[in-house]
Amino acid sequence: LVLQPRSDLTLYAGYTTSFLPSIGRSRTGTPFRPEDGRQFELGIKQQFGRDLDVNLALYELRRGHVLTPDPADPQNFSVQTGEQRSRGLEIDINGRLTRRLRVTAALALMQAQVTQDDTVAVGTELIGAPRVSSNLFGVWTCDGRLAGLELGGGVHFVGSTQAQMPNTFRVGSLVQFDAMASYRLTPTFKLQANLKNVADRRNDVVSDVGYITPLSPRAVSITLNASF
């Protein structure tokens, strides 16, 4: 549902249901029930001028019969939890602050935990679900003798996350710095260089199924873009 009381203001609400077959093996060989879900979302989007948008969203997602690694043998088997709930707030800012500076910023606050179960304690945090995450990236457009050149940089933060259920092991928070530079060679072609993980930090990252992988080391990529 979308309501637009003014041309620069949008209010919205949504409700979603989901159904997903559960693919996995239990130690007893018992088939798993399908996963189901329900999500509510409320949001507001405010436009400032023609170049800057701010979006605020509140949500709650409940998932039933979700598979998680079996604590007794996480590599080979899964167990099925009763109900998991994720609720939180997200803020996104996109657009131009000035004629030369454009920004992308986001902040997410989340509480994700088990709410009903016979084997996993209620209140157990979900795997790979940080309580806080955020990012900020800005790009500066040069003019004068440097017209056609853009320079950018930013930071990405992910709070500490649980790596197991029950919660016996937590992976620390992650901070990553990135940078970019681009130059428009002609009205058609633009050359761009991106530098990921500028500080070459060696943090670990946890997926939502409990796999722990190292953050990719410092890397440079160069691209040539053509627009017609």
C-alpha atoms as a PDB file:
ATOM      1  CA  LEU A   1       0.000   0.000   0.000  1.00  0.00           C
ATOM      2  CA  VAL A   2       1.394   3.401  -1.004  1.00  0.00           C
ATOM      3  CA  LEU A   3       0.159   6.837   0.071  1.00  0.00           C
ATOM      4  CA  GLN A   4       1.632  10.071  -1.297  1.00  0.00           C
ATOM      5  CA  PRO A   5       0.260  13.065   0.669  1.00  0.00           C
ATOM      6  CA  ARG A   6       2.746  15.387  -1.067  1.00  0.00           C
ATOM      7  CA  SER A   7       4.840  15.123  -4.193  1.00  0.00           C
ATOM      8  CA  ASP A   8       8.018  14.874  -2.084  1.00  0.00           C
ATOM      9  CA  LEU A   9       6.665  12.475   0.599  1.00  0.00           C
ATOM     10  CA  THR A  10       5.710   8.806   0.246  1.00  0.00           C
ATOM     11  CA  LEU A  11       4.311   6.492   2.947  1.00  0.00           C
ATOM     12  CA  TYR A  12       4.094   2.752   2.378  1.00  0.00           C
ATOM     13  CA  ALA A  13       3.161  -0.490   4.114  1.00  0.00           C
ATOM     14  CA  GLY A  14       3.629  -4.091   3.012  1.00  0.00           C
ATOM     15  CA  TYR A  15       2.750  -7.629   4.066  1.00  0.00           C
ATOM     16  CA  THR A  16       4.378 -10.721   2.564  1.00  0.00           C
ATOM     17  CA  THR A  17       4.036 -14.460   3.081  1.00  0.00           C
ATOM     18  CA  SER A  18       6.492 -17.100   1.907  1.00  0.00           C
ATOM     19  CA  PHE A  19       6.785 -20.863   1.522  1.00  0.00           C
ATOM     20  CA  LEU A  20      10.038 -22.730   0.878  1.00  0.00           C
ATOM     21  CA  PRO A  21      10.837 -26.468   0.778  1.00  0.00           C
ATOM     22  CA  SER A  22      13.494 -27.423   3.341  1.00  0.00           C
ATOM     23  CA  ILE A  23      16.569 -29.068   1.814  1.00  0.00           C
ATOM     24  CA  GLY A  24      18.831 -30.824   4.311  1.00  0.00           C
ATOM     25  CA  ARG A  25      19.481 -34.033   6.266  1.00  0.00           C
ATOM     26  CA  SER A  26      18.636 -34.880   9.848  1.00  0.00           C
ATOM     27  CA  ARG A  27      20.607 -37.381  11.928  1.00  0.00           C
ATOM     28  CA  THR A  28      17.447 -39.458  12.398  1.00  0.00           C
ATOM     29  CA  GLY A  29      16.473 -39.387   8.726  1.00  0.00           C
ATOM     30  CA  THR A  30      13.146 -37.665   9.540  1.00  0.00           C
ATOM     31  CA  PRO A  31      11.967 -35.384   6.667  1.00  0.00           C
ATOM     32  CA  PHE A  32      11.881 -31.673   7.436  1.00  0.00           C
ATOM     33  CA  ARG A  33       8.725 -29.578   7.243  1.00  0.00           C
ATOM     34  CA  PRO A  34       8.698 -26.727   4.686  1.00  0.00           C
ATOM     35  CA  GLU A  35       9.813 -23.311   5.905  1.00  0.00           C
ATOM     36  CA  ASP A  36       7.160 -20.582   6.026  1.00  0.00           C
ATOM     37  CA  GLY A  37       7.382 -16.871   6.674  1.00  0.00           C
ATOM     38  CA  ARG A  38       5.452 -13.656   7.294  1.00  0.00           C
ATOM     39  CA  GLN A  39       6.836 -10.139   6.970  1.00  0.00           C
ATOM     40  CA  PHE A  40       5.412  -6.707   7.846  1.00  0.00           C
ATOM     41  CA  GLU A  41       7.049  -3.465   6.730  1.00  0.00           C
ATOM     42  CA  LEU A  42       6.277   0.228   7.245  1.00  0.00           C
ATOM     43  CA  GLY A  43       8.239   2.992   5.598  1.00  0.00           C
ATOM     44  CA  ILE A  44       8.527   6.649   4.727  1.00  0.00           C
ATOM     45  CA  LYS A  45      10.470   8.210   1.860  1.00  0.00           C
ATOM     46  CA  GLN A  46      11.250  11.919   1.856  1.00  0.00           C
ATOM     47  CA  GLN A  47      12.714  13.717  -1.141  1.00  0.00           C
ATOM     48  CA  PHE A  48      14.717  16.899  -0.566  1.00  0.00           C
ATOM     49  CA  GLY A  49      14.794  18.876  -3.777  1.00  0.00           C
ATOM     50  CA  ARG A  50      15.408  16.815  -6.882  1.00  0.00           C
ATOM     51  CA  ASP A  51      18.694  15.217  -5.887  1.00  0.00           C
ATOM     52  CA  LEU A  52      18.472  13.790  -2.334  1.00  0.00           C
ATOM     53  CA  ASP A  53      16.256  10.966  -1.002  1.00  0.00           C
ATOM     54  CA  VAL A  54      15.953   9.705   2.595  1.00  0.00           C
ATOM     55  CA  ASN A  55      14.161   6.422   3.289  1.00  0.00           C
ATOM     56  CA  LEU A  56      13.202   5.022   6.724  1.00  0.00           C
ATOM     57  CA  ALA A  57      11.765   1.507   7.121  1.00  0.00           C
ATOM     58  CA  LEU A  58      10.607  -0.602  10.076  1.00  0.00           C
ATOM     59  CA  TYR A  59      10.100  -4.331   9.591  1.00  0.00           C
ATOM     60  CA  GLU A  60       9.411  -7.628  11.316  1.00  0.00           C
ATOM     61  CA  LEU A  61      10.012 -11.021   9.726  1.00  0.00           C
ATOM     62  CA  ARG A  62       8.923 -14.309  11.304  1.00  0.00           C
ATOM     63  CA  ARG A  63      10.131 -17.585   9.804  1.00  0.00           C
ATOM     64  CA  GLY A  64       8.943 -20.997  10.939  1.00  0.00           C
ATOM     65  CA  HIS A  65      10.647 -24.403  10.630  1.00  0.00           C
ATOM     66  CA  VAL A  66      14.007 -22.890   9.658  1.00  0.00           C
ATOM     67  CA  LEU A  67      16.987 -25.226   9.198  1.00  0.00           C
ATOM     68  CA  THR A  68      20.187 -24.546  11.128  1.00  0.00           C
ATOM     69  CA  PRO A  69      23.412 -26.612  11.455  1.00  0.00           C
ATOM     70  CA  ASP A  70      23.107 -29.500  13.914  1.00  0.00           C
ATOM     71  CA  PRO A  71      25.310 -28.611  16.942  1.00  0.00           C
ATOM     72  CA  ALA A  72      26.340 -32.301  17.239  1.00  0.00           C
ATOM     73  CA  ASP A  73      27.491 -32.522  13.584  1.00  0.00           C
ATOM     74  CA  PRO A  74      27.207 -29.144  11.815  1.00  0.00           C
ATOM     75  CA  GLN A  75      29.080 -30.266   8.704  1.00  0.00           C
ATOM     76  CA  ASN A  76      26.720 -33.084   7.733  1.00  0.00           C
ATOM     77  CA  PHE A  77      23.324 -32.584   9.378  1.00  0.00           C
ATOM     78  CA  SER A  78      20.735 -29.914  10.173  1.00  0.00           C
ATOM     79  CA  VAL A  79      18.064 -29.392  12.808  1.00  0.00           C
ATOM     80  CA  GLN A  80      14.799 -27.520  12.403  1.00  0.00           C
ATOM     81  CA  THR A  81      14.001 -24.616  14.743  1.00  0.00           C
ATOM     82  CA  GLY A  82      10.441 -23.680  15.682  1.00  0.00           C
ATOM     83  CA  GLU A  83      10.308 -19.955  14.868  1.00  0.00           C
ATOM     84  CA  GLN A  84      12.854 -17.220  14.219  1.00  0.00           C
ATOM     85  CA  ARG A  85      12.101 -13.501  14.335  1.00  0.00           C
ATOM     86  CA  SER A  86      14.037 -10.605  12.835  1.00  0.00           C
ATOM     87  CA  ARG A  87      12.925  -7.054  13.479  1.00  0.00           C
ATOM     88  CA  GLY A  88      14.677  -3.791  12.905  1.00  0.00           C
ATOM     89  CA  LEU A  89      15.080  -0.374  11.394  1.00  0.00           C
ATOM     90  CA  GLU A  90      16.829   0.730   8.203  1.00  0.00           C
ATOM     91  CA  ILE A  91      17.762   4.255   7.090  1.00  0.00           C
ATOM     92  CA  ASP A  92      19.085   5.014   3.596  1.00  0.00           C
ATOM     93  CA  ILE A  93      20.312   8.342   2.213  1.00  0.00           C
ATOM     94  CA  ASN A  94      21.124   8.727  -1.484  1.00  0.00           C
ATOM     95  CA  GLY A  95      21.818  11.758  -3.642  1.00  0.00           C
ATOM     96  CA  ARG A  96      23.708  15.033  -3.809  1.00  0.00           C
ATOM     97  CA  LEU A  97      24.594  17.148  -0.789  1.00  0.00           C
ATOM     98  CA  THR A  98      26.148  19.813  -3.014  1.00  0.00           C
ATOM     99  CA  ARG A  99      26.651  20.298  -6.740  1.00  0.00           C
ATOM    100  CA  ARG A 100      29.934  18.397  -6.582  1.00  0.00           C
ATOM    101  CA  LEU A 101      29.394  15.932  -3.701  1.00  0.00           C
ATOM    102  CA  ARG A 102      27.058  12.940  -3.854  1.00  0.00           C
ATOM    103  CA  VAL A 103      26.707  10.407  -1.062  1.00  0.00           C
ATOM    104  CA  THR A 104      25.275   6.988  -0.288  1.00  0.00           C
ATOM    105  CA  ALA A 105      24.735   6.157   3.384  1.00  0.00           C
ATOM    106  CA  ALA A 106      22.869   3.402   5.217  1.00  0.00           C
ATOM    107  CA  LEU A 107      22.318   2.283   8.808  1.00  0.00           C
ATOM    108  CA  ALA A 108      20.619  -0.957   9.869  1.00  0.00           C
ATOM    109  CA  LEU A 109      19.675  -1.955  13.421  1.00  0.00           C
ATOM    110  CA  MET A 110      18.426  -5.521  13.830  1.00  0.00           C
ATOM    111  CA  GLN A 111      17.382  -7.965  16.519  1.00  0.00           C
ATOM    112  CA  ALA A 112      17.335 -11.530  15.185  1.00  0.00           C
ATOM    113  CA  GLN A 113      16.635 -14.430  17.540  1.00  0.00           C
ATOM    114  CA  VAL A 114      14.823 -17.701  18.138  1.00  0.00           C
ATOM    115  CA  THR A 115      11.339 -17.083  19.575  1.00  0.00           C
ATOM    116  CA  GLN A 116       9.916 -20.644  19.743  1.00  0.00           C
ATOM    117  CA  ASP A 117      11.727 -23.965  19.861  1.00  0.00           C
ATOM    118  CA  ASP A 118      11.952 -27.286  21.730  1.00  0.00           C
ATOM    119  CA  THR A 119      15.738 -27.759  21.462  1.00  0.00           C
ATOM    120  CA  VAL A 120      17.303 -24.299  20.965  1.00  0.00           C
ATOM    121  CA  ALA A 121      16.868 -21.821  23.829  1.00  0.00           C
ATOM    122  CA  VAL A 122      14.441 -18.971  23.189  1.00  0.00           C
ATOM    123  CA  GLY A 123      16.415 -15.741  22.790  1.00  0.00           C
ATOM    124  CA  THR A 124      19.324 -17.437  20.983  1.00  0.00           C
ATOM    125  CA  GLU A 125      20.716 -15.024  18.370  1.00  0.00           C
ATOM    126  CA  LEU A 126      20.630 -16.080  14.727  1.00  0.00           C
ATOM    127  CA  ILE A 127      23.812 -16.948  12.855  1.00  0.00           C
ATOM    128  CA  GLY A 128      25.382 -14.202  10.737  1.00  0.00           C
ATOM    129  CA  ALA A 129      22.892 -11.499  11.806  1.00  0.00           C
ATOM    130  CA  PRO A 130      24.727  -8.379  13.106  1.00  0.00           C
ATOM    131  CA  ARG A 131      22.882  -6.062  15.471  1.00  0.00           C
ATOM    132  CA  VAL A 132      24.373  -3.019  13.716  1.00  0.00           C
ATOM    133  CA  SER A 133      25.661  -2.496  10.186  1.00  0.00           C
ATOM    134  CA  SER A 134      26.303   0.663   8.213  1.00  0.00           C
ATOM    135  CA  ASN A 135      28.080   2.125   5.219  1.00  0.00           C
ATOM    136  CA  LEU A 136      29.019   5.560   3.956  1.00  0.00           C
ATOM    137  CA  PHE A 137      30.455   6.414   0.541  1.00  0.00           C
ATOM    138  CA  GLY A 138      31.025   9.818  -1.039  1.00  0.00           C
ATOM    139  CA  VAL A 139      32.082  10.885  -4.533  1.00  0.00           C
ATOM    140  CA  TRP A 140      33.526  14.325  -5.338  1.00  0.00           C
ATOM    141  CA  THR A 141      33.228  15.660  -8.906  1.00  0.00           C
ATOM    142  CA  CYS A 142      36.088  17.920  -9.927  1.00  0.00           C
ATOM    143  CA  ASP A 143      35.803  20.875 -12.275  1.00  0.00           C
ATOM    144  CA  GLY A 144      38.076  23.428 -13.930  1.00  0.00           C
ATOM    145  CA  ARG A 145      41.293  21.881 -15.218  1.00  0.00           C
ATOM    146  CA  LEU A 146      40.330  18.584 -13.557  1.00  0.00           C
ATOM    147  CA  ALA A 147      36.880  18.417 -15.172  1.00  0.00           C
ATOM    148  CA  GLY A 148      35.925  14.801 -15.888  1.00  0.00           C
ATOM    149  CA  LEU A 149      37.715  13.463 -12.796  1.00  0.00           C
ATOM    150  CA  GLU A 150      35.796  11.940  -9.859  1.00  0.00           C
ATOM    151  CA  LEU A 151      37.315  10.796  -6.557  1.00  0.00           C
ATOM    152  CA  GLY A 152      35.487   8.739  -3.949  1.00  0.00           C
ATOM    153  CA  GLY A 153      35.918   6.839  -0.726  1.00  0.00           C
ATOM    154  CA  GLY A 154      33.968   5.290   2.080  1.00  0.00           C
ATOM    155  CA  VAL A 155      33.712   2.867   4.953  1.00  0.00           C
ATOM    156  CA  HIS A 156      31.628  -0.279   5.551  1.00  0.00           C
ATOM    157  CA  PHE A 157      30.932  -1.563   9.083  1.00  0.00           C
ATOM    158  CA  VAL A 158      29.374  -4.850  10.227  1.00  0.00           C
ATOM    159  CA  GLY A 159      28.946  -5.554  13.927  1.00  0.00           C
ATOM    160  CA  SER A 160      29.981  -8.807  15.591  1.00  0.00           C
ATOM    161  CA  THR A 161      27.916 -11.866  14.675  1.00  0.00           C
ATOM    162  CA  GLN A 162      27.145 -15.278  16.129  1.00  0.00           C
ATOM    163  CA  ALA A 163      28.706 -18.232  14.307  1.00  0.00           C
ATOM    164  CA  GLN A 164      26.829 -21.063  16.042  1.00  0.00           C
ATOM    165  CA  MET A 165      23.480 -22.028  17.551  1.00  0.00           C
ATOM    166  CA  PRO A 166      23.563 -22.367  20.545  1.00  0.00           C
ATOM    167  CA  ASN A 167      25.581 -19.127  20.838  1.00  0.00           C
ATOM    168  CA  THR A 168      28.990 -20.411  21.893  1.00  0.00           C
ATOM    169  CA  PHE A 169      31.193 -18.549  19.400  1.00  0.00           C
ATOM    170  CA  ARG A 170      31.032 -14.981  18.082  1.00  0.00           C
ATOM    171  CA  VAL A 171      33.050 -13.416  15.232  1.00  0.00           C
ATOM    172  CA  GLY A 172      34.261  -9.857  15.805  1.00  0.00           C
ATOM    173  CA  SER A 173      33.088  -6.764  13.973  1.00  0.00           C
ATOM    174  CA  LEU A 174      34.308  -5.804  10.515  1.00  0.00           C
ATOM    175  CA  VAL A 175      35.464  -2.426   9.198  1.00  0.00           C
ATOM    176  CA  GLN A 176      36.406  -2.048   5.533  1.00  0.00           C
ATOM    177  CA  PHE A 177      37.618   1.066   3.687  1.00  0.00           C
ATOM    178  CA  ASP A 178      37.182   1.422  -0.077  1.00  0.00           C
ATOM    179  CA  ALA A 179      38.210   4.061  -2.627  1.00  0.00           C
ATOM    180  CA  MET A 180      37.658   4.870  -6.289  1.00  0.00           C
ATOM    181  CA  ALA A 181      38.739   7.254  -9.034  1.00  0.00           C
ATOM    182  CA  SER A 182      37.259   7.732 -12.495  1.00  0.00           C
ATOM    183  CA  TYR A 183      37.972   9.923 -15.501  1.00  0.00           C
ATOM    184  CA  ARG A 184      35.692  10.578 -18.465  1.00  0.00           C
ATOM    185  CA  LEU A 185      37.903  10.225 -21.516  1.00  0.00           C
ATOM    186  CA  THR A 186      35.179  11.194 -23.982  1.00  0.00           C
ATOM    187  CA  PRO A 187      31.386  11.671 -23.784  1.00  0.00           C
ATOM    188  CA  THR A 188      31.175   7.908 -24.521  1.00  0.00           C
ATOM    189  CA  PHE A 189      34.044   6.336 -22.549  1.00  0.00           C
ATOM    190  CA  LYS A 190      34.885   6.492 -18.830  1.00  0.00           C
ATOM    191  CA  LEU A 191      37.892   4.839 -17.161  1.00  0.00           C
ATOM    192  CA  GLN A 192      37.467   3.815 -13.495  1.00  0.00           C
ATOM    193  CA  ALA A 193      39.698   2.266 -10.824  1.00  0.00           C
ATOM    194  CA  ASN A 194      38.317   0.734  -7.608  1.00  0.00           C
ATOM    195  CA  LEU A 195      40.395  -0.129  -4.540  1.00  0.00           C
ATOM    196  CA  LYS A 196      38.718  -2.565  -2.136  1.00  0.00           C
ATOM    197  CA  ASN A 197      39.825  -3.089   1.476  1.00  0.00           C
ATOM    198  CA  VAL A 198      42.350  -0.242   1.408  1.00  0.00           C
ATOM    199  CA  ALA A 199      43.799  -1.136   4.837  1.00  0.00           C
ATOM    200  CA  ASP A 200      44.106  -4.828   3.856  1.00  0.00           C
ATOM    201  CA  ARG A 201      42.292  -5.914   7.028  1.00  0.00           C
ATOM    202  CA  ARG A 202      42.048  -9.682   7.625  1.00  0.00           C
ATOM    203  CA  ASN A 203      38.667  -9.968   9.337  1.00  0.00           C
ATOM    204  CA  ASP A 204      36.428 -13.029   9.157  1.00  0.00           C
ATOM    205  CA  VAL A 205      32.890 -12.995   7.751  1.00  0.00           C
ATOM    206  CA  VAL A 206      30.027 -15.276   8.855  1.00  0.00           C
ATOM    207  CA  SER A 207      27.304 -16.359   6.414  1.00  0.00           C
ATOM    208  CA  ASP A 208      23.696 -17.007   7.492  1.00  0.00           C
ATOM    209  CA  VAL A 209      24.380 -20.760   7.499  1.00  0.00           C
ATOM    210  CA  GLY A 210      27.446 -20.542   9.743  1.00  0.00           C
ATOM    211  CA  TYR A 211      30.314 -20.719   7.254  1.00  0.00           C
ATOM    212  CA  ILE A 212      33.263 -18.524   8.315  1.00  0.00           C
ATOM    213  CA  THR A 213      35.372 -17.102   5.482  1.00  0.00           C
ATOM    214  CA  PRO A 214      38.183 -14.527   5.531  1.00  0.00           C
ATOM    215  CA  LEU A 215      37.531 -11.083   4.106  1.00  0.00           C
ATOM    216  CA  SER A 216      39.058 -10.664   0.649  1.00  0.00           C
ATOM    217  CA  PRO A 217      42.471  -8.942   0.819  1.00  0.00           C
ATOM    218  CA  ARG A 218      43.231  -5.579  -0.779  1.00  0.00           C
ATOM    219  CA  ALA A 219      42.293  -5.654  -4.454  1.00  0.00           C
ATOM    220  CA  VAL A 220      42.326  -3.241  -7.400  1.00  0.00           C
ATOM    221  CA  SER A 221      40.032  -3.405 -10.412  1.00  0.00           C
ATOM    222  CA  ILE A 222      40.130  -1.193 -13.520  1.00  0.00           C
ATOM    223  CA  THR A 223      37.173  -0.921 -15.874  1.00  0.00           C
ATOM    224  CA  LEU A 224      36.416   0.923 -19.079  1.00  0.00           C
ATOM    225  CA  ASN A 225      32.743   1.870 -19.449  1.00  0.00           C
ATOM    226  CA  ALA A 226      31.004   2.883 -22.652  1.00  0.00           C
ATOM    227  CA  SER A 227      27.592   4.569 -22.764  1.00  0.00           C
ATOM    228  CA  PHE A 228      25.649   5.152 -25.951  1.00  0.00           C
END
